[in-house]
Amino acid sequence: MAQPLPIIKSLQLLSGRFLHESIRNFAVKSLELLPVYEIESYLSQLIQALKYEMNHDSALSTYLLAIAIKNPLTLGKFL
């Protein structure tokens, strides 16, 4: 993937309208390409998107835990 999706498009793909795992994984892979400072503003929406995940061990939950561990003073504290 050369260009990441805009974060708004990724959030739309993580909504309850798109429940297929491959679509949600694509959205998370796009989020992984974005800098952390862009993710900070949308962290509460990403946390809300967790309720649409089919499994607890999803790409989104793994991604959120990984960025929280890498950024404990900003994202980790909030998460």
C-alpha atoms as a PDB file:
ATOM      1  CA  MET A   1       0.000   0.000   0.000  1.00  0.00           C
ATOM      2  CA  ALA A   2       1.645   3.233  -1.146  1.00  0.00           C
ATOM      3  CA  GLN A   3      -0.689   5.853   0.280  1.00  0.00           C
ATOM      4  CA  PRO A   4      -2.639   5.359   3.498  1.00  0.00           C
ATOM      5  CA  LEU A   5      -6.322   6.064   3.487  1.00  0.00           C
ATOM      6  CA  PRO A   6      -7.335   9.309   5.145  1.00  0.00           C
ATOM      7  CA  ILE A   7      -8.125   8.618   8.781  1.00  0.00           C
ATOM      8  CA  ILE A   8     -11.800   9.496   8.253  1.00  0.00           C
ATOM      9  CA  LYS A   9     -12.116   6.797   5.572  1.00  0.00           C
ATOM     10  CA  SER A  10     -10.415   4.283   7.855  1.00  0.00           C
ATOM     11  CA  LEU A  11     -12.842   5.146  10.650  1.00  0.00           C
ATOM     12  CA  GLN A  12     -15.753   4.636   8.276  1.00  0.00           C
ATOM     13  CA  LEU A  13     -14.426   1.180   7.386  1.00  0.00           C
ATOM     14  CA  LEU A  14     -14.203   0.386  11.110  1.00  0.00           C
ATOM     15  CA  SER A  15     -17.835   1.315  11.711  1.00  0.00           C
ATOM     16  CA  GLY A  16     -20.622  -1.184  12.252  1.00  0.00           C
ATOM     17  CA  ARG A  17     -21.518  -1.123   8.561  1.00  0.00           C
ATOM     18  CA  PHE A  18     -18.379  -3.047   7.583  1.00  0.00           C
ATOM     19  CA  LEU A  19     -17.998  -6.181   9.656  1.00  0.00           C
ATOM     20  CA  HIS A  20     -15.928  -8.311   7.287  1.00  0.00           C
ATOM     21  CA  GLU A  21     -12.542  -9.003   8.822  1.00  0.00           C
ATOM     22  CA  SER A  22     -10.517  -8.283   5.667  1.00  0.00           C
ATOM     23  CA  ILE A  23     -12.072  -4.832   5.267  1.00  0.00           C
ATOM     24  CA  ARG A  24     -11.367  -4.000   8.897  1.00  0.00           C
ATOM     25  CA  ASN A  25      -7.801  -5.317   8.594  1.00  0.00           C
ATOM     26  CA  PHE A  26      -7.277  -3.092   5.538  1.00  0.00           C
ATOM     27  CA  ALA A  27      -8.422  -0.068   7.544  1.00  0.00           C
ATOM     28  CA  VAL A  28      -6.047  -0.924  10.396  1.00  0.00           C
ATOM     29  CA  LYS A  29      -3.122  -1.431   7.998  1.00  0.00           C
ATOM     30  CA  SER A  30      -3.822   2.025   6.642  1.00  0.00           C
ATOM     31  CA  LEU A  31      -3.865   3.465  10.173  1.00  0.00           C
ATOM     32  CA  GLU A  32      -0.475   1.871  10.843  1.00  0.00           C
ATOM     33  CA  LEU A  33       1.040   4.082   8.134  1.00  0.00           C
ATOM     34  CA  LEU A  34      -0.150   7.303   9.768  1.00  0.00           C
ATOM     35  CA  PRO A  35       1.915   9.236  12.287  1.00  0.00           C
ATOM     36  CA  VAL A  36       0.916   8.916  15.932  1.00  0.00           C
ATOM     37  CA  TYR A  37      -0.022  12.581  16.284  1.00  0.00           C
ATOM     38  CA  GLU A  38      -2.834  12.056  13.766  1.00  0.00           C
ATOM     39  CA  ILE A  39      -4.092   9.012  15.648  1.00  0.00           C
ATOM     40  CA  GLU A  40      -4.225  10.908  18.972  1.00  0.00           C
ATOM     41  CA  SER A  41      -7.151  13.064  17.844  1.00  0.00           C
ATOM     42  CA  TYR A  42      -9.230  10.041  16.876  1.00  0.00           C
ATOM     43  CA  LEU A  43      -8.357   7.657  19.687  1.00  0.00           C
ATOM     44  CA  SER A  44     -11.799   7.782  21.297  1.00  0.00           C
ATOM     45  CA  GLN A  45     -13.448   6.890  17.956  1.00  0.00           C
ATOM     46  CA  LEU A  46     -11.006   4.012  17.495  1.00  0.00           C
ATOM     47  CA  ILE A  47     -11.829   2.728  20.959  1.00  0.00           C
ATOM     48  CA  GLN A  48     -15.529   2.912  20.119  1.00  0.00           C
ATOM     49  CA  ALA A  49     -14.853   0.928  16.932  1.00  0.00           C
ATOM     50  CA  LEU A  50     -13.720  -1.981  19.104  1.00  0.00           C
ATOM     51  CA  LYS A  51     -17.349  -2.805  19.877  1.00  0.00           C
ATOM     52  CA  TYR A  52     -17.834  -3.859  16.242  1.00  0.00           C
ATOM     53  CA  GLU A  53     -14.953  -6.335  16.275  1.00  0.00           C
ATOM     54  CA  MET A  54     -15.944  -9.978  16.056  1.00  0.00           C
ATOM     55  CA  ASN A  55     -13.045 -11.185  18.239  1.00  0.00           C
ATOM     56  CA  HIS A  56     -11.171  -9.727  21.178  1.00  0.00           C
ATOM     57  CA  ASP A  57      -7.900 -10.527  19.414  1.00  0.00           C
ATOM     58  CA  SER A  58      -8.546  -8.374  16.361  1.00  0.00           C
ATOM     59  CA  ALA A  59      -6.199  -6.284  14.242  1.00  0.00           C
ATOM     60  CA  LEU A  60      -7.664  -3.099  15.749  1.00  0.00           C
ATOM     61  CA  SER A  61      -7.210  -4.179  19.360  1.00  0.00           C
ATOM     62  CA  THR A  62      -3.664  -5.353  18.642  1.00  0.00           C
ATOM     63  CA  TYR A  63      -2.894  -2.051  16.915  1.00  0.00           C
ATOM     64  CA  LEU A  64      -4.299   0.045  19.772  1.00  0.00           C
ATOM     65  CA  LEU A  65      -2.334  -1.927  22.358  1.00  0.00           C
ATOM     66  CA  ALA A  66       0.860  -1.625  20.298  1.00  0.00           C
ATOM     67  CA  ILE A  67       0.640   2.156  19.934  1.00  0.00           C
ATOM     68  CA  ALA A  68      -0.264   2.504  23.617  1.00  0.00           C
ATOM     69  CA  ILE A  69       2.864   0.572  24.587  1.00  0.00           C
ATOM     70  CA  LYS A  70       5.048   2.588  22.196  1.00  0.00           C
ATOM     71  CA  ASN A  71       3.602   5.917  23.418  1.00  0.00           C
ATOM     72  CA  PRO A  72       2.851   5.405  27.118  1.00  0.00           C
ATOM     73  CA  LEU A  73       2.751   9.071  28.110  1.00  0.00           C
ATOM     74  CA  THR A  74       0.278  10.146  25.450  1.00  0.00           C
ATOM     75  CA  LEU A  75      -1.803   7.335  24.017  1.00  0.00           C
ATOM     76  CA  GLY A  76      -1.083   4.704  26.653  1.00  0.00           C
ATOM     77  CA  LYS A  77      -2.209   6.940  29.490  1.00  0.00           C
ATOM     78  CA  PHE A  78      -5.525   7.637  27.762  1.00  0.00           C
ATOM     79  CA  LEU A  79      -6.115   4.066  26.613  1.00  0.00           C
END
